[in-house]
Amino acid sequence: MIETQHTPDDYDSPWKEALERYLPDALALLFPAAFAGIDWSPGYSFLDKELQKVVRDARLGRRLADKLVRVAQAQVSSPKRQAGNQEHHGRLPLAS
């Protein structure tokens, strides 16, 4: 009888690849407020190596995120939105 080695299913990689290919569309669909706060004209870059440096020495429990993307923040046009951005110190909230 030939033994076959069982490998765990890889559900993570297809999602990561989809995000790398379709990041703007994925954010527009799943996180429209975050999408609206990004200036897409300068482009974006994935910072996988930088993320690995940060988490390498950290004590990790359950990891909820393992993709890091650099984007440009859209210019603030209204006073209400400006006040909201100051609350987050220039970082965009991912969910509203």
Protein backbone atom coordinates (compact mmCIF):
# COMPACT_ATOMS: atom_id res chain seq x y z
CA MET A 1 0.00 0.00 0.00
CA ILE A 2 1.34 3.45 -0.91
CA GLU A 3 1.13 6.05 1.81
CA THR A 4 0.22 9.56 0.80
CA GLN A 5 1.18 12.48 2.91
CA HIS A 6 -1.77 14.70 3.77
CA THR A 7 -1.07 18.42 3.44
CA PRO A 8 -3.36 20.98 5.02
CA ASP A 9 -5.56 22.95 2.68
CA ASP A 10 -4.22 26.40 1.87
CA TYR A 11 -7.09 28.87 2.03
CA ASP A 12 -4.93 31.86 2.94
CA SER A 13 -2.77 32.20 -0.20
CA PRO A 14 -5.61 32.66 -2.71
CA TRP A 15 -7.04 35.51 -0.61
CA LYS A 16 -3.64 37.18 -0.36
CA GLU A 17 -3.10 36.85 -4.10
CA ALA A 18 -6.56 38.30 -4.78
CA LEU A 19 -5.79 41.28 -2.52
CA GLU A 20 -2.50 41.87 -4.31
CA ARG A 21 -4.23 41.86 -7.69
CA TYR A 22 -7.46 43.64 -6.81
CA LEU A 23 -6.77 45.74 -3.70
CA PRO A 24 -8.69 48.88 -4.77
CA ASP A 25 -11.71 46.85 -5.87
CA ALA A 26 -11.64 44.73 -2.71
CA LEU A 27 -11.51 47.79 -0.46
CA ALA A 28 -14.26 49.51 -2.46
CA LEU A 29 -16.48 46.46 -1.98
CA LEU A 30 -15.62 45.50 1.61
CA PHE A 31 -14.51 48.80 3.21
CA PRO A 32 -16.01 51.68 1.18
CA ALA A 33 -15.16 54.32 3.82
CA ALA A 34 -11.49 53.32 3.82
CA PHE A 35 -11.48 53.21 0.01
CA ALA A 36 -12.88 56.75 -0.14
CA GLY A 37 -10.13 57.98 2.19
CA ILE A 38 -7.31 56.78 -0.05
CA ASP A 39 -5.68 58.74 -2.86
CA TRP A 40 -5.02 55.98 -5.38
CA SER A 41 -3.20 58.18 -7.93
CA PRO A 42 0.32 57.69 -6.47
CA GLY A 43 -0.25 53.95 -6.33
CA TYR A 44 0.25 51.61 -3.39
CA SER A 45 2.85 49.13 -2.26
CA PHE A 46 2.79 45.95 -0.23
CA LEU A 47 5.21 45.95 2.69
CA ASP A 48 5.51 42.22 3.38
CA LYS A 49 9.20 42.37 4.36
CA GLU A 50 8.60 45.27 6.73
CA LEU A 51 5.69 43.45 8.36
CA GLN A 52 7.82 40.34 8.84
CA LYS A 53 10.49 42.43 10.61
CA VAL A 54 7.88 43.80 13.00
CA VAL A 55 6.23 40.51 13.87
CA ARG A 56 9.35 38.31 13.83
CA ASP A 57 10.31 39.11 17.40
CA ALA A 58 6.80 39.73 18.71
CA ARG A 59 5.03 37.15 20.79
CA LEU A 60 2.20 36.18 18.56
CA GLY A 61 -1.11 34.80 19.56
CA ARG A 62 -3.70 34.48 16.88
CA ARG A 63 -2.67 36.59 13.89
CA LEU A 64 -5.55 38.53 12.40
CA ALA A 65 -3.63 40.27 9.64
CA ASP A 66 -0.51 39.47 7.71
CA LYS A 67 -0.60 41.91 4.80
CA LEU A 68 0.60 45.47 5.12
CA VAL A 69 -0.03 48.05 2.40
CA ARG A 70 1.25 51.61 2.06
CA VAL A 71 -1.31 53.99 0.58
CA ALA A 72 -1.63 57.77 0.39
CA GLN A 73 -4.37 59.48 2.36
CA ALA A 74 -6.85 61.47 0.31
CA GLN A 75 -6.96 65.21 0.93
CA VAL A 76 -9.53 66.29 3.47
CA SER A 77 -12.18 68.59 2.04
CA SER A 78 -14.79 69.13 4.76
CA PRO A 79 -14.35 70.32 8.37
CA LYS A 80 -16.35 67.32 9.66
CA ARG A 81 -14.07 64.86 7.85
CA GLN A 82 -11.01 66.79 8.97
CA ALA A 83 -12.02 66.43 12.63
CA GLY A 84 -12.56 62.71 12.13
CA ASN A 85 -9.11 62.26 10.60
CA GLN A 86 -7.47 64.04 13.53
CA GLU A 87 -9.02 61.49 15.88
CA HIS A 88 -7.11 58.74 14.09
CA HIS A 89 -3.84 60.68 13.94
CA GLY A 90 -3.68 60.42 10.15
CA ARG A 91 -4.54 56.70 10.01
CA LEU A 92 -7.66 55.55 8.28
CA PRO A 93 -10.17 53.45 10.19
CA LEU A 94 -10.81 50.17 8.36
CA ALA A 95 -14.45 49.90 9.32
CA SER A 96 -17.11 52.47 9.98
